[in-house]
Amino acid sequence: MFLQDFFSTVLDVLTPEDVHVLNVEELLELKTCPGNTILKCLCLGKSQHAPDTFIYMNFMKSHCCYDAIPTSSKLVIFDTTLQVKKAFFALVANGVRAAPLWDNKLQCFVGMLTITDFINILHRYYKSPLVQIYELEEHKIETWRGHVLTFCFCCFLCSLFEAVYSLLKNKIHRLPIIDPVSGNVLHILTHKRILKFLYIFGDLIPKPRFLQRRISEVGIGTFREIATVQESATVYEALTIFVERRVSALPVVNEQGKVVALYSRFDVINLAAQKNYNNLNMTMREALSSRTCWVEGVLKCYPHETLETIMGRIAKAEVHRLVLVDCDEVVRGIVSLSDILQALILSPAGINALKA
């Protein structure tokens, strides 16, 4: 009688997606539960949150930052008395995008020098191709950064959940991982490394069903007031957008609005390698054609593609974002790692760090 009454009730509310095959031990355990509890156990899809909503959040909470540190990586550290120009040249020469700053007087790390600093210097002090940027040529790092330096970091024992929260809340792309005993920087953790870690070890956990939903359905990304730049615009105009909109890359579009390239902050640091930072009046078309490294077009995604497909494409290409386009290659949005990590890791915990 128990099973007959039970199944007659359950079949009225179950959908195929809610079905979970139980083993003998689970069935025996359920038999001792009140009827309402049984329905909650088997009909989790009817609750406010699907049971797999918390999979990635719990995964990140159960792993520490040290777990995500690769076995081999390069770390460059600058003294704050180093000249700004030499520091940026050193970033380019070593193929890194940021470096922790060491204050020899205080005997501690006091901040990070990133490509954003290079962009801000160029944008603030550039006048014309005929006028040398004195602040870039002569200033030391400590002069540029001033006396108030913010240094966001995480202990290597902190959870990856805490690291994601710190990255998104502080709107930074690089988070130093510190050994609290020695005070040494062990690694610079990024959005890309966190997603790569999740992508590599994701097979060890159940795959959430929402990964099969289309990106147009889940609404992960930016779809309004998308920051773009015309290919006829100048590099200085692109820098202005970087500074004002605080974005990490700009889709370059033609007169028809079709995306033809992607100009990122990393492209700006290459101006130092090419010694073109005194000529910011060049057009985006000219800047893109003078790239020293080969770039494989624009990494795009489409509204009909699933979240799993998009995450896999980002992880394999090791990029920070994909440009969402329609069938005519017109820009319709940007799907970034920040958007994905917010949706998968922080939103289930009721945290919206992107709007904090």
Protein backbone atom coordinates (compact mmCIF):
# COMPACT_ATOMS: atom_id res chain seq x y z
CA MET A 1 0.00 0.00 0.00
CA PHE A 2 2.92 2.29 0.76
CA LEU A 3 4.41 2.03 -2.74
CA GLN A 4 1.03 2.31 -4.49
CA ASP A 5 0.10 5.53 -2.69
CA PHE A 6 3.60 6.87 -3.07
CA PHE A 7 3.95 6.38 -6.84
CA SER A 8 0.44 7.63 -7.58
CA THR A 9 1.44 10.90 -5.92
CA VAL A 10 4.91 11.18 -7.43
CA LEU A 11 3.93 10.48 -11.04
CA ASP A 12 1.65 13.51 -11.03
CA VAL A 13 4.55 15.91 -10.48
CA LEU A 14 7.64 14.28 -11.98
CA THR A 15 9.13 15.23 -15.32
CA PRO A 16 11.75 13.14 -17.18
CA GLU A 17 14.50 15.52 -16.02
CA ASP A 18 13.60 14.86 -12.37
CA VAL A 19 14.10 11.10 -12.52
CA HIS A 20 16.97 9.68 -10.50
CA VAL A 21 17.66 5.96 -10.32
CA LEU A 22 17.93 4.89 -6.68
CA ASN A 23 19.91 1.97 -5.32
CA VAL A 24 18.56 -0.49 -2.73
CA GLU A 25 20.06 1.38 0.24
CA GLU A 26 18.46 4.65 -0.87
CA LEU A 27 15.06 2.96 -1.29
CA LEU A 28 15.21 1.44 2.19
CA GLU A 29 16.15 4.83 3.62
CA LEU A 30 13.28 6.53 1.81
CA LYS A 31 10.77 3.97 3.10
CA THR A 32 11.30 5.26 6.64
CA CYS A 33 10.82 8.90 5.61
CA PRO A 34 7.52 10.81 5.78
CA GLY A 35 5.75 11.25 2.46
CA ASN A 36 6.65 14.95 2.09
CA THR A 37 10.33 14.21 2.67
CA ILE A 38 10.27 11.57 -0.06
CA LEU A 39 8.82 14.02 -2.53
CA LYS A 40 11.54 16.54 -1.66
CA CYS A 41 14.22 13.91 -2.17
CA LEU A 42 12.98 12.83 -5.58
CA CYS A 43 11.53 16.07 -6.91
CA LEU A 44 14.46 18.39 -6.35
CA GLY A 45 13.82 19.86 -9.75
CA LYS A 46 10.68 21.41 -8.31
CA SER A 47 12.58 23.29 -5.60
CA GLN A 48 13.76 26.87 -5.87
CA HIS A 49 17.24 25.67 -6.87
CA ALA A 50 17.95 22.58 -8.93
CA PRO A 51 20.21 20.15 -7.04
CA ASP A 52 23.08 20.63 -9.49
CA THR A 53 23.01 24.42 -9.12
CA PHE A 54 25.50 24.19 -6.26
CA ILE A 55 27.92 21.66 -7.79
CA TYR A 56 30.54 24.14 -8.99
CA MET A 57 30.14 26.36 -5.94
CA ASN A 58 30.77 23.42 -3.60
CA PHE A 59 33.66 22.24 -5.77
CA MET A 60 35.36 25.62 -5.43
CA LYS A 61 34.73 25.70 -1.68
CA SER A 62 36.31 22.26 -1.27
CA HIS A 63 39.56 23.19 -3.07
CA CYS A 64 42.16 25.72 -1.99
CA CYS A 65 44.18 28.12 -4.11
CA TYR A 66 47.26 25.92 -3.81
CA ASP A 67 45.42 23.17 -5.70
CA ALA A 68 45.12 25.41 -8.76
CA ILE A 69 48.79 26.44 -8.87
CA PRO A 70 50.52 24.79 -11.86
CA THR A 71 53.65 22.71 -11.32
CA SER A 72 55.68 25.21 -13.32
CA SER A 73 55.08 28.91 -13.99
CA LYS A 74 56.97 32.18 -14.35
CA LEU A 75 56.81 34.92 -11.74
CA VAL A 76 58.41 38.36 -12.21
CA ILE A 77 58.77 40.79 -9.29
CA PHE A 78 59.62 44.51 -9.57
CA ASP A 79 61.17 46.82 -7.02
CA THR A 80 59.18 50.05 -6.68
CA THR A 81 62.32 52.08 -7.48
CA LEU A 82 62.48 50.62 -10.99
CA GLN A 83 61.72 53.00 -13.87
CA VAL A 84 58.22 52.56 -15.27
CA LYS A 85 59.46 52.22 -18.85
CA LYS A 86 61.94 49.48 -17.94
CA ALA A 87 59.25 47.66 -15.99
CA PHE A 88 56.87 47.52 -18.95
CA PHE A 89 59.67 46.41 -21.27
CA ALA A 90 60.43 43.65 -18.76
CA LEU A 91 56.79 42.53 -18.81
CA VAL A 92 56.94 42.20 -22.58
CA ALA A 93 60.34 40.48 -22.57
CA ASN A 94 59.17 37.88 -20.06
CA GLY A 95 55.76 37.33 -21.64
CA VAL A 96 53.84 38.18 -18.46
CA ARG A 97 51.04 40.68 -17.96
CA ALA A 98 51.52 41.72 -14.35
CA ALA A 99 54.12 41.71 -11.59
CA PRO A 100 53.98 42.11 -7.80
CA LEU A 101 55.69 45.24 -6.46
CA TRP A 102 58.26 44.97 -3.67
CA ASP A 103 59.02 47.95 -1.44
CA ASN A 104 62.56 47.48 -0.15
CA LYS A 105 62.10 50.11 2.57
CA LEU A 106 58.98 48.46 3.98
CA GLN A 107 60.27 44.96 3.20
CA CYS A 108 56.91 43.80 1.88
CA PHE A 109 54.77 43.61 -1.24
CA VAL A 110 52.72 46.75 -1.74
CA GLY A 111 50.82 46.28 -5.01
CA MET A 112 50.79 45.04 -8.57
CA LEU A 113 51.99 46.61 -11.81
CA THR A 114 49.66 45.62 -14.64
CA ILE A 115 48.84 46.50 -18.22
CA THR A 116 46.12 48.75 -16.81
CA ASP A 117 48.85 51.01 -15.40
CA PHE A 118 50.45 51.25 -18.84
CA ILE A 119 47.10 52.16 -20.40
CA ASN A 120 46.40 54.78 -17.74
CA ILE A 121 49.82 56.39 -18.21
CA LEU A 122 49.42 56.58 -21.99
CA HIS A 123 45.87 57.89 -21.74
CA ARG A 124 46.66 60.51 -19.10
CA TYR A 125 49.91 61.93 -20.47
CA TYR A 126 49.83 61.43 -24.25
CA LYS A 127 49.71 64.71 -26.19
CA SER A 128 50.95 64.09 -29.74
CA PRO A 129 53.45 61.94 -31.68
CA LEU A 130 55.93 64.84 -31.46
CA VAL A 131 55.87 65.13 -27.66
CA GLN A 132 57.69 62.55 -25.58
CA ILE A 133 55.74 61.02 -22.69
CA TYR A 134 58.06 62.16 -19.90
CA GLU A 135 56.12 60.34 -17.18
CA LEU A 136 56.69 57.03 -18.95
CA GLU A 137 60.32 57.69 -19.79
CA GLU A 138 61.55 59.06 -16.46
CA HIS A 139 59.17 58.18 -13.61
CA LYS A 140 59.83 55.36 -11.18
CA ILE A 141 57.07 52.94 -10.24
CA GLU A 142 56.78 54.46 -6.75
CA THR A 143 56.31 57.92 -8.31
CA TRP A 144 53.54 56.76 -10.60
CA ARG A 145 51.70 54.62 -8.08
CA GLY A 146 52.07 57.14 -5.25
CA HIS A 147 52.24 56.31 -1.57
CA VAL A 148 48.82 54.64 -1.34
CA LEU A 149 49.14 51.20 -2.89
CA THR A 150 46.39 48.62 -2.63
CA PHE A 151 47.49 45.01 -2.60
CA CYS A 152 44.72 42.45 -2.94
CA PHE A 153 45.91 38.91 -2.27
CA CYS A 154 44.85 35.51 -0.97
CA CYS A 155 46.55 32.97 1.27
CA PHE A 156 47.35 29.74 -0.56
CA LEU A 157 45.07 27.89 1.90
CA CYS A 158 42.05 30.06 1.05
CA SER A 159 39.36 28.34 -0.96
CA LEU A 160 38.99 28.94 -4.69
CA PHE A 161 35.53 30.26 -3.86
CA GLU A 162 37.15 33.06 -1.86
CA ALA A 163 39.59 33.71 -4.70
CA VAL A 164 36.78 34.04 -7.25
CA TYR A 165 34.94 36.41 -4.93
CA SER A 166 38.06 38.55 -4.44
CA LEU A 167 38.78 38.72 -8.19
CA LEU A 168 35.25 39.76 -9.12
CA LYS A 169 34.56 42.06 -6.17
CA ASN A 170 37.79 44.02 -6.66
CA LYS A 171 37.40 43.95 -10.46
CA ILE A 172 40.91 42.61 -10.98
CA HIS A 173 42.18 39.91 -13.31
CA ARG A 174 45.22 38.80 -11.31
CA LEU A 175 45.31 37.73 -7.68
CA PRO A 176 48.65 37.07 -5.93
CA ILE A 177 48.68 33.89 -3.86
CA ILE A 178 50.76 34.40 -0.71
CA ASP A 179 52.52 32.12 1.74
CA PRO A 180 51.52 33.79 5.05
CA VAL A 181 54.58 32.44 6.90
CA SER A 182 57.30 33.71 4.56
CA GLY A 183 55.25 36.45 2.90
CA ASN A 184 56.40 35.24 -0.51
CA VAL A 185 54.22 35.36 -3.61
CA LEU A 186 53.76 31.80 -4.88
CA HIS A 187 51.65 32.42 -7.95
CA ILE A 188 49.41 34.92 -9.72
CA LEU A 189 45.95 33.36 -9.97
CA THR A 190 43.69 34.40 -12.86
CA HIS A 191 40.15 33.78 -14.07
CA LYS A 192 41.60 31.66 -16.86
CA ARG A 193 43.56 29.44 -14.48
CA ILE A 194 40.49 28.86 -12.30
CA LEU A 195 38.33 27.87 -15.27
CA LYS A 196 41.15 25.67 -16.57
CA PHE A 197 41.32 23.92 -13.19
CA LEU A 198 37.57 23.40 -13.27
CA TYR A 199 37.75 22.17 -16.87
CA ILE A 200 40.55 19.68 -16.13
CA PHE A 201 39.02 18.19 -13.00
CA GLY A 202 35.38 18.69 -13.93
CA ASP A 203 35.03 15.02 -14.85
CA LEU A 204 35.43 14.13 -11.17
CA ILE A 205 32.10 15.74 -10.32
CA PRO A 206 28.60 15.30 -11.80
CA LYS A 207 27.99 17.46 -14.84
CA PRO A 208 25.20 19.99 -14.15
CA ARG A 209 22.26 19.82 -16.52
CA PHE A 210 22.22 23.57 -17.04
CA LEU A 211 25.43 23.25 -19.08
CA GLN A 212 23.27 21.93 -21.91
CA ARG A 213 21.18 25.10 -22.03
CA ARG A 214 21.78 27.67 -24.74
CA ILE A 215 23.67 30.81 -23.85
CA SER A 216 20.64 32.81 -25.00
CA GLU A 217 18.54 31.00 -22.38
CA VAL A 218 20.84 31.30 -19.37
CA GLY A 219 21.54 35.00 -20.00
CA ILE A 220 25.20 34.83 -18.96
CA GLY A 221 27.13 37.75 -20.42
CA THR A 222 26.77 41.41 -21.38
CA PHE A 223 24.12 42.13 -24.01
CA ARG A 224 23.45 45.86 -23.60
CA GLU A 225 25.69 48.88 -24.16
CA ILE A 226 28.46 46.68 -25.52
CA ALA A 227 31.80 48.47 -25.72
CA THR A 228 33.11 48.33 -29.30
CA VAL A 229 35.50 50.42 -31.39
CA GLN A 230 35.38 51.29 -35.09
CA GLU A 231 38.34 50.09 -37.15
CA SER A 232 38.72 53.69 -38.36
CA ALA A 233 39.08 55.00 -34.77
CA THR A 234 42.47 55.86 -33.29
CA VAL A 235 44.33 53.83 -30.70
CA TYR A 236 43.94 56.74 -28.28
CA GLU A 237 40.15 56.52 -28.67
CA ALA A 238 40.38 52.82 -27.85
CA LEU A 239 42.42 53.63 -24.73
CA THR A 240 39.72 56.09 -23.68
CA ILE A 241 37.11 53.32 -23.88
CA PHE A 242 39.36 50.98 -21.87
CA VAL A 243 39.71 53.60 -19.13
CA GLU A 244 36.09 54.78 -19.04
CA ARG A 245 34.34 51.43 -19.49
CA ARG A 246 36.89 49.31 -17.58
CA VAL A 247 36.70 46.48 -20.10
CA SER A 248 39.51 44.07 -20.95
CA ALA A 249 38.93 43.86 -24.71
CA LEU A 250 37.12 45.68 -27.51
CA PRO A 251 35.49 44.09 -30.56
CA VAL A 252 36.67 46.04 -33.59
CA VAL A 253 33.78 46.55 -36.01
CA ASN A 254 33.47 47.85 -39.55
CA GLU A 255 30.91 50.31 -40.89
CA GLN A 256 28.30 47.54 -41.11
CA GLY A 257 28.75 46.68 -37.43
CA LYS A 258 30.38 43.33 -38.21
CA VAL A 259 33.22 42.24 -35.96
CA VAL A 260 36.54 42.07 -37.80
CA ALA A 261 39.00 41.78 -34.90
CA LEU A 262 39.43 41.94 -31.15
CA TYR A 263 41.70 44.54 -29.53
CA SER A 264 42.68 43.60 -25.99
CA ARG A 265 44.70 45.21 -23.22
CA PHE A 266 47.53 42.85 -24.11
CA ASP A 267 47.70 44.46 -27.56
CA VAL A 268 48.35 47.77 -25.83
CA ILE A 269 51.41 46.48 -23.96
CA ASN A 270 52.80 45.37 -27.31
CA LEU A 271 53.05 49.06 -28.18
CA ALA A 272 55.97 49.08 -25.76
CA ALA A 273 57.65 46.19 -27.58
CA GLN A 274 57.21 47.96 -30.93
CA LYS A 275 58.04 51.38 -29.40
CA ASN A 276 54.87 52.77 -30.96
CA TYR A 277 53.45 54.26 -27.76
CA ASN A 278 54.34 57.78 -28.97
CA ASN A 279 52.02 57.41 -31.96
CA LEU A 280 48.55 56.81 -30.59
CA ASN A 281 46.96 58.63 -33.53
CA MET A 282 47.28 55.53 -35.71
CA THR A 283 43.99 53.89 -36.63
CA MET A 284 42.85 50.58 -35.22
CA ARG A 285 43.26 49.13 -38.70
CA GLU A 286 46.92 50.16 -38.70
CA ALA A 287 47.49 48.94 -35.14
CA LEU A 288 46.02 45.52 -35.91
CA SER A 289 48.06 45.12 -39.07
CA SER A 290 51.28 45.89 -37.17
CA ARG A 291 50.80 43.10 -34.63
CA THR A 292 54.03 41.17 -34.13
CA CYS A 293 52.29 38.00 -32.96
CA TRP A 294 49.91 35.97 -35.11
CA VAL A 295 46.31 36.02 -33.92
CA GLU A 296 43.76 33.40 -34.96
CA GLY A 297 40.90 35.71 -35.92
CA VAL A 298 38.13 36.54 -33.45
CA LEU A 299 36.98 33.86 -31.04
CA LYS A 300 33.20 33.99 -31.27
CA CYS A 301 30.12 32.21 -30.01
CA TYR A 302 26.52 32.12 -31.16
CA PRO A 303 23.19 32.36 -29.28
CA HIS A 304 22.25 28.75 -30.11
CA GLU A 305 25.44 27.28 -28.60
CA THR A 306 25.34 25.65 -25.17
CA LEU A 307 27.07 26.92 -22.07
CA GLU A 308 29.22 23.76 -22.03
CA THR A 309 30.43 24.42 -25.58
CA ILE A 310 31.30 28.01 -24.77
CA MET A 311 33.13 27.13 -21.55
CA GLY A 312 35.13 24.47 -23.39
CA ARG A 313 36.08 26.92 -26.14
CA ILE A 314 37.27 29.52 -23.63
CA ALA A 315 39.24 26.96 -21.60
CA LYS A 316 40.96 25.41 -24.63
CA ALA A 317 41.83 28.76 -26.22
CA GLU A 318 42.86 30.22 -22.83
CA VAL A 319 41.11 33.52 -23.50
CA HIS A 320 39.12 35.77 -21.21
CA ARG A 321 36.03 36.24 -23.35
CA LEU A 322 34.11 35.33 -26.51
CA VAL A 323 32.28 37.76 -28.77
CA LEU A 324 28.63 36.80 -29.16
CA VAL A 325 27.51 37.40 -32.75
CA ASP A 326 24.42 36.67 -34.82
CA CYS A 327 24.30 34.92 -38.19
CA ASP A 328 25.44 38.15 -39.89
CA GLU A 329 28.54 38.40 -37.64
CA VAL A 330 27.13 41.52 -35.95
CA VAL A 331 28.15 41.90 -32.30
CA ARG A 332 25.29 41.04 -29.92
CA GLY A 333 27.16 40.58 -26.67
CA ILE A 334 30.27 39.57 -24.77
CA VAL A 335 30.54 36.37 -22.73
CA SER A 336 33.45 36.78 -20.32
CA LEU A 337 35.04 34.59 -17.68
CA SER A 338 33.83 37.04 -15.05
CA ASP A 339 30.24 36.45 -16.18
CA ILE A 340 30.67 32.67 -16.15
CA LEU A 341 32.38 32.50 -12.74
CA GLN A 342 29.75 34.81 -11.26
CA ALA A 343 26.91 32.63 -12.56
CA LEU A 344 28.46 29.25 -11.70
CA ILE A 345 30.26 30.00 -8.43
CA LEU A 346 28.88 33.07 -6.68
CA SER A 347 25.24 33.35 -7.77
CA PRO A 348 24.27 30.03 -6.11
CA ALA A 349 25.57 31.51 -2.85
CA GLY A 350 23.40 34.59 -3.33
CA ILE A 351 26.40 36.83 -4.06
CA ASN A 352 26.61 39.28 -6.96
CA ALA A 353 30.21 40.46 -6.86
CA LEU A 354 30.04 42.09 -10.31
CA LYS A 355 27.63 44.71 -8.97
CA ALA A 356 29.26 45.04 -5.56
